[in-house]
Structures are given as structure tokens and as C-alpha cells.
């Protein structure tokens, strides 16, 4: 056996002896965990490791506070939408918009399923309805003293008392200016007015401006049907066949006829006109009036003697 083989055999024997000592020895007891989580534990939990028992297991105190349910406090509670009675005001306004006649507070609360609320909540809601700018309160004329239970309620539109074609024409005739009426304001009190606007437009009683994209009515004005005159369809065809010369040709023809075209910009003439350079005149030196009378013989003008 060579010396290299003997060294290899000795190294293998020492390694097996060391392995037997390590495997047969007693295991050291691990130190108790510290009360604060270590970086490794939090990292493993975030990476999908096994969560700690004391963190995820509900205690008796937490179960008592949550009524026996395991609640995750880091997430918002499912409280619902519009749980309070005042949050239902928008629905009340929308419902009153569809009614032609004023409604009592019981009818409004019944629609909102709020008749089971406490009396204080109902009274507070009625007070808020009376202060709302979109709701109009009508007191009971048969009572001398009003309470929160008396009176009726109706929707107060942006344009009041316009819910038919006759009322719309009357409203447009009473206008003192030439401004149009926005259709969105008209629909606040008359939601289904599109068909009526189309009929009045075909009768030439109103002028309607529509969107180019979808043809939705945007603004209306009052029209006069007596000013409308039908045009022969054949004349329309002949009119459409007439070719209009280009703009540059029209301008040249008008200038040739010594007429001023309306499309001509007067500023162009100022730009084309040659600029005349004005020579600056040298300012003459004015001799000031002498005030020192005792030195007049020294302040005489000798400029004429200058060479």
C-alpha cells in the first residue's frame, strides 16, 4: 500500500468516528422563544410560511368582544351603503321627481322603508327635507300651527311648472331675453320630454340645437311657425348642384371688379405697405432764461463766433 492510500484510509476512518460521536451524542435544549417576533419569523410568515399560533388563534377575550366570531380587524367592516336615514335623502328626491302630486312624510318614509325608525330619526329626516333645495314643503292650510308631521312634499325642479308642451311654450314666451333653455334643466322636472320636443320642432314652434354625435337635444328656443315657408324639393336639388368657386378665385374676381371682399383682412394692407423711414430731426438747443442779472455780462451767447 502506498503512502497516499494509507493517508486516504486514515482520513476515512477519522470521518466515520466523528460521525458516530455526533449522532450518538445528547441534543442541546433550545433556548425559549423571545416575546418579540424575530425578523426571520415575520419574513417566513410574509412569504407564505406557517403563521404563529398565538397571533392567529382567537383568545377568550377577543371571542367575547366579537360575539364568538373571528373578526379580522385590519379589514373594513361591511356596514352597507346608506344605513343612516339621512343618507336616503337622494332616493327621496328621486322618488318625488316621479310624482305629479305632493306626498306626505309617511309616504316618503314608507318608500324608504324607514317607518320602523325611531320618532327622533323620523323628525330629523323631515326637518332635513324641509331644508333641502330640491324639495318643496306645502304646509297644511287647515291648521294654524304646523308640526313636523303636517304638510306635504313635492320635488322642486330647476324650471318649475313645465311638464307639458303648452307649459313649455308659455315659459318660452314669458322670457325677456334671447337666451335658450338647457334641456338638462328642463328634464329635472320633466324627465320624458324628448318626444314632446321632437313634435314641437317638427311643428316649427321651437328651435332645437342637437349634438352632432348622437343627435341629443341640448338647447331649445322659441320659434314662429308663421315664418316658415316650404321650399320646392327641385329647387333644393338645383341649389346643391351649383358649384361654388374656391375662396381665392372669389377674392380675385371681386378685386378685379373693384369690390372689397368680406374675407379680406384690413391688417394685410398694413403689412404689405412699404415702410417709410422717417428722418429724425435734430432737436435745437434752447437757451434758458438767465436769472442772475448781476452776471449778464459773463453769460452772453458767443456761439456765433465758433469756427
C-alpha atoms as a PDB file:
ATOM      1  CA  UNK A   1       0.000   0.000   0.000  1.00  0.00           C
ATOM      2  CA  UNK A   2       1.396   3.332  -0.956  1.00  0.00           C
ATOM      3  CA  UNK A   3       1.662   6.309   1.384  1.00  0.00           C
ATOM      4  CA  UNK A   4      -1.174   8.123  -0.458  1.00  0.00           C
ATOM      5  CA  UNK A   5      -3.540   5.176   0.011  1.00  0.00           C
ATOM      6  CA  UNK A   6      -2.668   4.953   3.713  1.00  0.00           C
ATOM      7  CA  UNK A   7      -3.488   8.691   4.208  1.00  0.00           C
ATOM      8  CA  UNK A   8      -6.820   8.233   2.402  1.00  0.00           C
ATOM      9  CA  UNK A   9      -7.808   5.286   4.605  1.00  0.00           C
ATOM     10  CA  UNK A  10      -6.850   7.176   7.770  1.00  0.00           C
ATOM     11  CA  UNK A  11      -8.955  10.210   6.704  1.00  0.00           C
ATOM     12  CA  UNK A  12     -11.986   7.998   6.014  1.00  0.00           C
ATOM     13  CA  UNK A  13     -11.654   6.341   9.450  1.00  0.00           C
ATOM     14  CA  UNK A  14     -11.442   9.665  11.278  1.00  0.00           C
ATOM     15  CA  UNK A  15     -14.538  10.941   9.456  1.00  0.00           C
ATOM     16  CA  UNK A  16     -16.614   7.862  10.388  1.00  0.00           C
ATOM     17  CA  UNK A  17     -15.532   8.141  14.026  1.00  0.00           C
ATOM     18  CA  UNK A  18     -16.530  11.794  14.153  1.00  0.00           C
ATOM     19  CA  UNK A  19     -19.914  10.968  12.600  1.00  0.00           C
ATOM     20  CA  UNK A  20     -20.661   8.343  15.221  1.00  0.00           C
ATOM     21  CA  UNK A  21     -19.855  10.781  18.043  1.00  0.00           C
ATOM     22  CA  UNK A  22     -22.139  13.452  16.613  1.00  0.00           C
ATOM     23  CA  UNK A  23     -25.087  11.067  16.028  1.00  0.00           C
ATOM     24  CA  UNK A  24     -24.867   9.343  19.394  1.00  0.00           C
ATOM     25  CA  UNK A  25     -24.421  12.483  21.490  1.00  0.00           C
ATOM     26  CA  UNK A  26     -27.127  14.231  23.512  1.00  0.00           C
ATOM     27  CA  UNK A  27     -29.065  17.088  21.877  1.00  0.00           C
ATOM     28  CA  UNK A  28     -28.776  20.540  23.422  1.00  0.00           C
ATOM     29  CA  UNK A  29     -32.004  22.110  24.653  1.00  0.00           C
ATOM     30  CA  UNK A  30     -33.106  25.096  22.625  1.00  0.00           C
ATOM     31  CA  UNK A  31     -33.492  28.455  24.311  1.00  0.00           C
ATOM     32  CA  UNK A  32     -37.102  29.600  24.989  1.00  0.00           C
ATOM     33  CA  UNK A  33     -38.543  31.927  22.332  1.00  0.00           C
ATOM     34  CA  UNK A  34     -38.343  35.628  22.983  1.00  0.00           C
ATOM     35  CA  UNK A  35     -41.601  37.545  23.474  1.00  0.00           C
ATOM     36  CA  UNK A  36     -40.951  39.793  20.452  1.00  0.00           C
ATOM     37  CA  UNK A  37     -41.052  38.226  16.961  1.00  0.00           C
ATOM     38  CA  UNK A  38     -37.765  37.935  15.172  1.00  0.00           C
ATOM     39  CA  UNK A  39     -37.049  39.097  11.641  1.00  0.00           C
ATOM     40  CA  UNK A  40     -36.929  35.523  10.404  1.00  0.00           C
ATOM     41  CA  UNK A  41     -40.376  34.654  11.771  1.00  0.00           C
ATOM     42  CA  UNK A  42     -42.043  37.691  10.200  1.00  0.00           C
ATOM     43  CA  UNK A  43     -40.279  37.073   6.906  1.00  0.00           C
ATOM     44  CA  UNK A  44     -41.371  33.448   6.747  1.00  0.00           C
ATOM     45  CA  UNK A  45     -44.971  34.386   7.552  1.00  0.00           C
ATOM     46  CA  UNK A  46     -44.995  37.006   4.817  1.00  0.00           C
ATOM     47  CA  UNK A  47     -43.546  34.506   2.349  1.00  0.00           C
ATOM     48  CA  UNK A  48     -46.333  32.011   2.987  1.00  0.00           C
ATOM     49  CA  UNK A  49     -44.828  30.151   5.957  1.00  0.00           C
ATOM     50  CA  UNK A  50     -46.664  28.695   8.918  1.00  0.00           C
ATOM     51  CA  UNK A  51     -48.271  31.503  10.978  1.00  0.00           C
ATOM     52  CA  UNK A  52     -47.686  31.781  14.692  1.00  0.00           C
ATOM     53  CA  UNK A  53     -50.262  30.137  16.892  1.00  0.00           C
ATOM     54  CA  UNK A  54     -50.570  32.934  19.429  1.00  0.00           C
ATOM     55  CA  UNK A  55     -51.190  35.513  16.675  1.00  0.00           C
ATOM     56  CA  UNK A  56     -53.907  33.738  14.671  1.00  0.00           C
ATOM     57  CA  UNK A  57     -55.708  31.763  17.368  1.00  0.00           C
ATOM     58  CA  UNK A  58     -58.553  33.846  18.898  1.00  0.00           C
ATOM     59  CA  UNK A  59     -58.381  34.288  22.649  1.00  0.00           C
ATOM     60  CA  UNK A  60     -61.288  34.174  25.066  1.00  0.00           C
ATOM     61  CA  UNK A  61     -61.289  37.977  25.406  1.00  0.00           C
ATOM     62  CA  UNK A  62     -61.419  38.584  21.646  1.00  0.00           C
ATOM     63  CA  UNK A  63     -64.171  35.979  21.199  1.00  0.00           C
ATOM     64  CA  UNK A  64     -66.222  37.674  23.900  1.00  0.00           C
ATOM     65  CA  UNK A  65     -65.828  41.122  22.302  1.00  0.00           C
ATOM     66  CA  UNK A  66     -66.753  39.918  18.833  1.00  0.00           C
ATOM     67  CA  UNK A  67     -69.702  37.775  19.875  1.00  0.00           C
ATOM     68  CA  UNK A  68     -67.986  34.480  19.187  1.00  0.00           C
ATOM     69  CA  UNK A  69     -66.913  35.379  15.625  1.00  0.00           C
ATOM     70  CA  UNK A  70     -63.362  35.536  14.369  1.00  0.00           C
ATOM     71  CA  UNK A  71     -63.166  39.146  13.082  1.00  0.00           C
ATOM     72  CA  UNK A  72     -60.221  40.447  11.066  1.00  0.00           C
ATOM     73  CA  UNK A  73     -59.799  43.976  12.408  1.00  0.00           C
ATOM     74  CA  UNK A  74     -57.412  45.030   9.641  1.00  0.00           C
ATOM     75  CA  UNK A  75     -60.275  44.970   7.095  1.00  0.00           C
ATOM     76  CA  UNK A  76     -63.177  47.490   6.977  1.00  0.00           C
ATOM     77  CA  UNK A  77     -66.469  46.233   8.320  1.00  0.00           C
ATOM     78  CA  UNK A  78     -69.351  45.559   5.916  1.00  0.00           C
ATOM     79  CA  UNK A  79     -71.638  48.289   7.199  1.00  0.00           C
ATOM     80  CA  UNK A  80     -73.634  48.632   3.954  1.00  0.00           C
ATOM     81  CA  UNK A  81     -74.461  51.738   1.927  1.00  0.00           C
ATOM     82  CA  UNK A  82     -76.813  54.424   3.221  1.00  0.00           C
ATOM     83  CA  UNK A  83     -77.504  52.755   6.536  1.00  0.00           C
ATOM     84  CA  UNK A  84     -78.441  56.035   8.252  1.00  0.00           C
ATOM     85  CA  UNK A  85     -81.779  57.621   7.449  1.00  0.00           C
ATOM     86  CA  UNK A  86     -80.250  60.903   6.267  1.00  0.00           C
ATOM     87  CA  UNK A  87     -78.279  59.014   3.615  1.00  0.00           C
ATOM     88  CA  UNK A  88     -81.606  58.159   1.948  1.00  0.00           C
ATOM     89  CA  UNK A  89     -82.302  61.811   1.015  1.00  0.00           C
ATOM     90  CA  UNK A  90     -81.098  61.360  -2.572  1.00  0.00           C
ATOM     91  CA  UNK A  91     -83.521  58.449  -3.051  1.00  0.00           C
ATOM     92  CA  UNK A  92     -86.344  60.572  -1.634  1.00  0.00           C
ATOM     93  CA  UNK A  93     -85.623  63.374  -4.117  1.00  0.00           C
ATOM     94  CA  UNK A  94     -85.501  60.903  -6.998  1.00  0.00           C
ATOM     95  CA  UNK A  95     -88.815  59.344  -5.942  1.00  0.00           C
ATOM     96  CA  UNK A  96     -90.584  62.705  -5.553  1.00  0.00           C
ATOM     97  CA  UNK A  97     -89.392  63.658  -9.055  1.00  0.00           C
ATOM     98  CA  UNK A  98     -91.578  60.904 -10.497  1.00  0.00           C
ATOM     99  CA  UNK A  99     -94.726  62.029  -8.635  1.00  0.00           C
ATOM    100  CA  UNK A 100     -97.183  64.546 -10.070  1.00  0.00           C
ATOM    101  CA  UNK A 101     -98.896  65.227  -6.733  1.00  0.00           C
ATOM    102  CA  UNK A 102     -97.365  66.237  -3.353  1.00  0.00           C
ATOM    103  CA  UNK A 103     -96.739  63.347  -0.939  1.00  0.00           C
ATOM    104  CA  UNK A 104     -96.983  63.088   2.843  1.00  0.00           C
ATOM    105  CA  UNK A 105     -93.989  62.322   5.007  1.00  0.00           C
ATOM    106  CA  UNK A 106     -95.448  58.862   5.734  1.00  0.00           C
ATOM    107  CA  UNK A 107     -95.430  58.086   2.005  1.00  0.00           C
ATOM    108  CA  UNK A 108     -91.807  59.211   1.661  1.00  0.00           C
ATOM    109  CA  UNK A 109     -90.652  57.220   4.696  1.00  0.00           C
ATOM    110  CA  UNK A 110     -92.692  54.250   3.523  1.00  0.00           C
ATOM    111  CA  UNK A 111     -90.889  54.274   0.194  1.00  0.00           C
ATOM    112  CA  UNK A 112     -87.568  54.365   2.061  1.00  0.00           C
ATOM    113  CA  UNK A 113     -88.707  51.550   4.412  1.00  0.00           C
ATOM    114  CA  UNK A 114     -87.990  53.904   7.322  1.00  0.00           C
ATOM    115  CA  UNK A 115     -91.324  53.865   9.151  1.00  0.00           C
ATOM    116  CA  UNK A 116     -89.790  51.495  11.688  1.00  0.00           C
ATOM    117  CA  UNK A 117     -87.186  54.066  12.703  1.00  0.00           C
ATOM    118  CA  UNK A 118     -87.420  55.928  15.977  1.00  0.00           C
ATOM    119  CA  UNK A 119     -89.542  59.065  16.186  1.00  0.00           C
ATOM    120  CA  UNK A 120     -86.469  61.259  16.694  1.00  0.00           C
ATOM    121  CA  UNK A 121     -84.875  59.928  13.500  1.00  0.00           C
ATOM    122  CA  UNK A 122     -88.084  60.477  11.515  1.00  0.00           C
ATOM    123  CA  UNK A 123     -88.428  64.038  12.835  1.00  0.00           C
ATOM    124  CA  UNK A 124     -84.803  64.797  11.970  1.00  0.00           C
ATOM    125  CA  UNK A 125     -85.308  63.465   8.434  1.00  0.00           C
ATOM    126  CA  UNK A 126     -88.444  65.603   7.944  1.00  0.00           C
ATOM    127  CA  UNK A 127     -86.559  68.705   9.080  1.00  0.00           C
ATOM    128  CA  UNK A 128     -83.793  67.959   6.577  1.00  0.00           C
ATOM    129  CA  UNK A 129     -86.386  67.527   3.806  1.00  0.00           C
ATOM    130  CA  UNK A 130     -87.794  70.970   4.519  1.00  0.00           C
ATOM    131  CA  UNK A 131     -84.294  72.488   4.257  1.00  0.00           C
ATOM    132  CA  UNK A 132     -83.413  70.668   1.040  1.00  0.00           C
ATOM    133  CA  UNK A 133     -83.289  72.960  -2.018  1.00  0.00           C
ATOM    134  CA  UNK A 134     -84.753  70.229  -4.275  1.00  0.00           C
ATOM    135  CA  UNK A 135     -87.799  69.544  -2.088  1.00  0.00           C
ATOM    136  CA  UNK A 136     -90.727  71.920  -1.594  1.00  0.00           C
ATOM    137  CA  UNK A 137     -92.874  71.749   1.555  1.00  0.00           C
ATOM    138  CA  UNK A 138     -96.561  72.693   1.413  1.00  0.00           C
ATOM    139  CA  UNK A 139     -97.990  73.475   4.869  1.00  0.00           C
ATOM    140  CA  UNK A 140    -101.459  72.228   5.752  1.00  0.00           C
ATOM    141  CA  UNK A 141    -103.822  75.194   5.178  1.00  0.00           C
ATOM    142  CA  UNK A 142    -106.408  73.797   7.589  1.00  0.00           C
ATOM    143  CA  UNK A 143    -104.046  74.092  10.580  1.00  0.00           C
ATOM    144  CA  UNK A 144    -102.946  77.291  12.269  1.00  0.00           C
ATOM    145  CA  UNK A 145     -99.852  75.672  13.792  1.00  0.00           C
ATOM    146  CA  UNK A 146     -97.634  73.317  11.843  1.00  0.00           C
ATOM    147  CA  UNK A 147     -95.645  70.396  13.263  1.00  0.00           C
ATOM    148  CA  UNK A 148     -93.108  68.070  11.730  1.00  0.00           C
ATOM    149  CA  UNK A 149     -95.937  65.646  10.864  1.00  0.00           C
ATOM    150  CA  UNK A 150     -98.060  68.154   8.887  1.00  0.00           C
ATOM    151  CA  UNK A 151     -97.907  69.239   5.276  1.00  0.00           C
ATOM    152  CA  UNK A 152     -96.929  67.534   2.034  1.00  0.00           C
ATOM    153  CA  UNK A 153     -93.745  67.416  -0.042  1.00  0.00           C
ATOM    154  CA  UNK A 154     -93.005  67.663  -3.756  1.00  0.00           C
ATOM    155  CA  UNK A 155     -89.965  67.896  -5.962  1.00  0.00           C
ATOM    156  CA  UNK A 156     -88.765  71.439  -6.710  1.00  0.00           C
ATOM    157  CA  UNK A 157     -87.372  71.383 -10.276  1.00  0.00           C
ATOM    158  CA  UNK A 158     -84.867  73.797 -11.763  1.00  0.00           C
ATOM    159  CA  UNK A 159     -87.564  75.097 -14.138  1.00  0.00           C
ATOM    160  CA  UNK A 160     -90.837  74.966 -12.181  1.00  0.00           C
ATOM    161  CA  UNK A 161     -94.291  74.228 -13.613  1.00  0.00           C
ATOM    162  CA  UNK A 162     -93.082  72.959 -17.010  1.00  0.00           C
ATOM    163  CA  UNK A 163     -94.271  69.396 -17.605  1.00  0.00           C
ATOM    164  CA  UNK A 164     -96.119  69.664 -20.938  1.00  0.00           C
ATOM    165  CA  UNK A 165     -95.831  71.234 -24.380  1.00  0.00           C
ATOM    166  CA  UNK A 166     -98.266  74.013 -23.514  1.00  0.00           C
ATOM    167  CA  UNK A 167     -96.411  74.930 -20.347  1.00  0.00           C
ATOM    168  CA  UNK A 168     -93.079  74.913 -22.210  1.00  0.00           C
ATOM    169  CA  UNK A 169     -94.355  77.290 -24.896  1.00  0.00           C
ATOM    170  CA  UNK A 170     -95.810  79.590 -22.231  1.00  0.00           C
ATOM    171  CA  UNK A 171     -92.494  79.604 -20.357  1.00  0.00           C
ATOM    172  CA  UNK A 172     -90.537  80.447 -23.521  1.00  0.00           C
ATOM    173  CA  UNK A 173     -92.956  83.255 -24.413  1.00  0.00           C
ATOM    174  CA  UNK A 174     -92.504  84.837 -20.965  1.00  0.00           C
ATOM    175  CA  UNK A 175     -88.733  85.019 -21.296  1.00  0.00           C
ATOM    176  CA  UNK A 176     -87.477  88.595 -21.562  1.00  0.00           C
ATOM    177  CA  UNK A 177     -84.119  87.741 -23.164  1.00  0.00           C
ATOM    178  CA  UNK A 178     -82.969  85.709 -26.156  1.00  0.00           C
ATOM    179  CA  UNK A 179     -81.194  83.026 -24.138  1.00  0.00           C
ATOM    180  CA  UNK A 180     -82.107  79.407 -24.718  1.00  0.00           C
ATOM    181  CA  UNK A 181     -83.303  76.814 -22.229  1.00  0.00           C
ATOM    182  CA  UNK A 182     -80.981  73.962 -21.356  1.00  0.00           C
ATOM    183  CA  UNK A 183     -82.630  70.587 -21.895  1.00  0.00           C
ATOM    184  CA  UNK A 184     -80.882  69.129 -18.828  1.00  0.00           C
ATOM    185  CA  UNK A 185     -82.602  71.769 -16.663  1.00  0.00           C
ATOM    186  CA  UNK A 186     -85.890  71.025 -18.409  1.00  0.00           C
ATOM    187  CA  UNK A 187     -85.546  67.293 -17.688  1.00  0.00           C
ATOM    188  CA  UNK A 188     -85.095  67.956 -13.983  1.00  0.00           C
ATOM    189  CA  UNK A 189     -88.852  68.489 -13.730  1.00  0.00           C
ATOM    190  CA  UNK A 190     -89.920  66.805 -16.976  1.00  0.00           C
ATOM    191  CA  UNK A 191     -87.782  63.679 -17.479  1.00  0.00           C
ATOM    192  CA  UNK A 192     -89.625  62.296 -20.550  1.00  0.00           C
ATOM    193  CA  UNK A 193     -89.679  65.481 -22.643  1.00  0.00           C
ATOM    194  CA  UNK A 194     -87.736  64.167 -25.667  1.00  0.00           C
ATOM    195  CA  UNK A 195     -90.803  63.110 -27.657  1.00  0.00           C
ATOM    196  CA  UNK A 196     -92.570  66.421 -26.968  1.00  0.00           C
ATOM    197  CA  UNK A 197     -89.515  68.402 -28.074  1.00  0.00           C
ATOM    198  CA  UNK A 198     -89.384  66.455 -31.338  1.00  0.00           C
ATOM    199  CA  UNK A 199     -93.081  67.144 -32.015  1.00  0.00           C
ATOM    200  CA  UNK A 200     -92.735  70.873 -31.303  1.00  0.00           C
ATOM    201  CA  UNK A 201     -89.664  71.034 -33.518  1.00  0.00           C
ATOM    202  CA  UNK A 202     -91.500  69.387 -36.436  1.00  0.00           C
ATOM    203  CA  UNK A 203     -94.332  71.902 -35.968  1.00  0.00           C
ATOM    204  CA  UNK A 204     -91.775  74.776 -36.140  1.00  0.00           C
ATOM    205  CA  UNK A 205     -92.789  76.038 -32.712  1.00  0.00           C
ATOM    206  CA  UNK A 206     -89.348  75.670 -31.141  1.00  0.00           C
ATOM    207  CA  UNK A 207     -85.763  75.644 -32.382  1.00  0.00           C
ATOM    208  CA  UNK A 208     -83.653  72.768 -31.088  1.00  0.00           C
ATOM    209  CA  UNK A 209     -79.859  72.550 -31.070  1.00  0.00           C
ATOM    210  CA  UNK A 210     -78.726  68.932 -31.040  1.00  0.00           C
ATOM    211  CA  UNK A 211     -75.390  67.234 -30.508  1.00  0.00           C
ATOM    212  CA  UNK A 212     -73.616  66.245 -33.722  1.00  0.00           C
ATOM    213  CA  UNK A 213     -72.544  62.871 -32.383  1.00  0.00           C
ATOM    214  CA  UNK A 214     -75.836  61.338 -31.202  1.00  0.00           C
ATOM    215  CA  UNK A 215     -78.473  63.980 -32.035  1.00  0.00           C
ATOM    216  CA  UNK A 216     -79.482  64.525 -28.395  1.00  0.00           C
ATOM    217  CA  UNK A 217     -81.290  67.813 -27.769  1.00  0.00           C
ATOM    218  CA  UNK A 218     -79.147  70.305 -25.847  1.00  0.00           C
ATOM    219  CA  UNK A 219     -80.843  73.722 -26.030  1.00  0.00           C
ATOM    220  CA  UNK A 220     -84.259  74.994 -27.170  1.00  0.00           C
ATOM    221  CA  UNK A 221     -85.533  78.435 -28.275  1.00  0.00           C
ATOM    222  CA  UNK A 222     -88.950  79.739 -29.187  1.00  0.00           C
ATOM    223  CA  UNK A 223     -89.797  79.634 -32.923  1.00  0.00           C
ATOM    224  CA  UNK A 224     -92.529  81.210 -35.016  1.00  0.00           C
ATOM    225  CA  UNK A 225     -94.334  78.825 -37.369  1.00  0.00           C
ATOM    226  CA  UNK A 226     -95.615  81.727 -39.490  1.00  0.00           C
ATOM    227  CA  UNK A 227     -92.042  82.486 -40.594  1.00  0.00           C
ATOM    228  CA  UNK A 228     -91.562  79.041 -42.061  1.00  0.00           C
ATOM    229  CA  UNK A 229     -92.075  78.724 -45.814  1.00  0.00           C
ATOM    230  CA  UNK A 230     -91.728  75.400 -47.614  1.00  0.00           C
ATOM    231  CA  UNK A 231     -89.157  75.141 -50.393  1.00  0.00           C
ATOM    232  CA  UNK A 232     -89.678  73.157 -53.573  1.00  0.00           C
ATOM    233  CA  UNK A 233     -87.520  69.997 -53.439  1.00  0.00           C
ATOM    234  CA  UNK A 234     -86.468  70.572 -57.063  1.00  0.00           C
ATOM    235  CA  UNK A 235     -85.087  73.980 -56.111  1.00  0.00           C
ATOM    236  CA  UNK A 236     -83.087  72.374 -53.307  1.00  0.00           C
ATOM    237  CA  UNK A 237     -81.538  69.941 -55.789  1.00  0.00           C
ATOM    238  CA  UNK A 238     -80.668  72.750 -58.207  1.00  0.00           C
ATOM    239  CA  UNK A 239     -79.175  74.787 -55.378  1.00  0.00           C
ATOM    240  CA  UNK A 240     -76.985  71.870 -54.284  1.00  0.00           C
ATOM    241  CA  UNK A 241     -75.673  71.373 -57.847  1.00  0.00           C
ATOM    242  CA  UNK A 242     -74.317  74.921 -58.094  1.00  0.00           C
ATOM    243  CA  UNK A 243     -70.548  74.782 -57.750  1.00  0.00           C
ATOM    244  CA  UNK A 244     -69.048  77.434 -55.555  1.00  0.00           C
ATOM    245  CA  UNK A 245     -65.663  78.688 -56.805  1.00  0.00           C
ATOM    246  CA  UNK A 246     -62.725  78.476 -54.423  1.00  0.00           C
ATOM    247  CA  UNK A 247     -62.128  81.281 -51.987  1.00  0.00           C
ATOM    248  CA  UNK A 248     -59.009  82.600 -53.707  1.00  0.00           C
ATOM    249  CA  UNK A 249     -60.826  82.861 -57.022  1.00  0.00           C
ATOM    250  CA  UNK A 250     -63.720  84.772 -55.426  1.00  0.00           C
ATOM    251  CA  UNK A 251     -61.348  87.296 -53.874  1.00  0.00           C
ATOM    252  CA  UNK A 252     -59.547  87.889 -57.174  1.00  0.00           C
ATOM    253  CA  UNK A 253     -62.818  88.364 -59.043  1.00  0.00           C
ATOM    254  CA  UNK A 254     -64.097  90.876 -56.512  1.00  0.00           C
ATOM    255  CA  UNK A 255     -60.864  92.824 -56.610  1.00  0.00           C
ATOM    256  CA  UNK A 256     -60.975  92.842 -60.404  1.00  0.00           C
ATOM    257  CA  UNK A 257     -64.454  94.354 -60.181  1.00  0.00           C
ATOM    258  CA  UNK A 258     -63.102  96.924 -57.674  1.00  0.00           C
ATOM    259  CA  UNK A 259     -65.169  95.468 -54.872  1.00  0.00           C
ATOM    260  CA  UNK A 260     -63.921  94.770 -51.392  1.00  0.00           C
ATOM    261  CA  UNK A 261     -64.271  91.120 -50.353  1.00  0.00           C
ATOM    262  CA  UNK A 262     -65.633  90.484 -46.873  1.00  0.00           C
ATOM    263  CA  UNK A 263     -62.941  87.901 -46.227  1.00  0.00           C
ATOM    264  CA  UNK A 264     -60.144  90.414 -46.733  1.00  0.00           C
ATOM    265  CA  UNK A 265     -58.282  91.269 -43.574  1.00  0.00           C
ATOM    266  CA  UNK A 266     -57.520  95.020 -43.323  1.00  0.00           C
ATOM    267  CA  UNK A 267     -54.337  94.211 -41.431  1.00  0.00           C
ATOM    268  CA  UNK A 268     -52.899  92.631 -44.597  1.00  0.00           C
ATOM    269  CA  UNK A 269     -52.718  96.032 -46.267  1.00  0.00           C
ATOM    270  CA  UNK A 270     -50.741  97.420 -43.372  1.00  0.00           C
ATOM    271  CA  UNK A 271     -48.282  94.552 -43.624  1.00  0.00           C
ATOM    272  CA  UNK A 272     -47.903  94.893 -47.414  1.00  0.00           C
ATOM    273  CA  UNK A 273     -47.492  98.667 -47.413  1.00  0.00           C
ATOM    274  CA  UNK A 274     -43.842  99.773 -47.731  1.00  0.00           C
ATOM    275  CA  UNK A 275     -42.392 101.233 -44.619  1.00  0.00           C
ATOM    276  CA  UNK A 276     -41.257 104.841 -44.964  1.00  0.00           C
ATOM    277  CA  UNK A 277     -38.298 105.676 -42.821  1.00  0.00           C
ATOM    278  CA  UNK A 278     -38.781 108.926 -41.038  1.00  0.00           C
ATOM    279  CA  UNK A 279     -35.708 111.052 -40.514  1.00  0.00           C
ATOM    280  CA  UNK A 280     -35.257 112.158 -37.010  1.00  0.00           C
ATOM    281  CA  UNK A 281     -34.957 115.892 -36.654  1.00  0.00           C
ATOM    282  CA  UNK A 282     -32.165 117.140 -34.509  1.00  0.00           C
ATOM    283  CA  UNK A 283     -33.522 118.903 -31.511  1.00  0.00           C
ATOM    284  CA  UNK A 284     -32.448 122.528 -31.290  1.00  0.00           C
ATOM    285  CA  UNK A 285     -30.786 123.653 -28.136  1.00  0.00           C
ATOM    286  CA  UNK A 286     -32.826 126.199 -26.334  1.00  0.00           C
ATOM    287  CA  UNK A 287     -31.127 128.890 -24.349  1.00  0.00           C
ATOM    288  CA  UNK A 288     -32.590 129.149 -20.941  1.00  0.00           C
ATOM    289  CA  UNK A 289     -33.594 132.394 -19.390  1.00  0.00           C
ATOM    290  CA  UNK A 290     -30.899 133.827 -17.177  1.00  0.00           C
ATOM    291  CA  UNK A 291     -31.864 134.700 -13.687  1.00  0.00           C
ATOM    292  CA  UNK A 292     -28.533 136.008 -12.448  1.00  0.00           C
ATOM    293  CA  UNK A 293     -28.846 139.602 -13.600  1.00  0.00           C
ATOM    294  CA  UNK A 294     -25.610 140.623 -11.952  1.00  0.00           C
ATOM    295  CA  UNK A 295     -23.675 138.206 -14.251  1.00  0.00           C
ATOM    296  CA  UNK A 296     -25.299 139.103 -17.599  1.00  0.00           C
ATOM    297  CA  UNK A 297     -22.015 140.364 -18.969  1.00  0.00           C
ATOM    298  CA  UNK A 298     -20.467 136.931 -18.430  1.00  0.00           C
ATOM    299  CA  UNK A 299     -23.406 134.821 -19.750  1.00  0.00           C
ATOM    300  CA  UNK A 300     -23.610 136.270 -23.232  1.00  0.00           C
ATOM    301  CA  UNK A 301     -24.059 133.859 -26.183  1.00  0.00           C
ATOM    302  CA  UNK A 302     -20.819 133.546 -28.120  1.00  0.00           C
ATOM    303  CA  UNK A 303     -21.901 130.552 -30.272  1.00  0.00           C
ATOM    304  CA  UNK A 304     -21.862 132.649 -33.446  1.00  0.00           C
ATOM    305  CA  UNK A 305     -18.143 133.166 -33.014  1.00  0.00           C
ATOM    306  CA  UNK A 306     -17.451 129.422 -33.046  1.00  0.00           C
ATOM    307  CA  UNK A 307     -15.373 128.259 -36.031  1.00  0.00           C
END
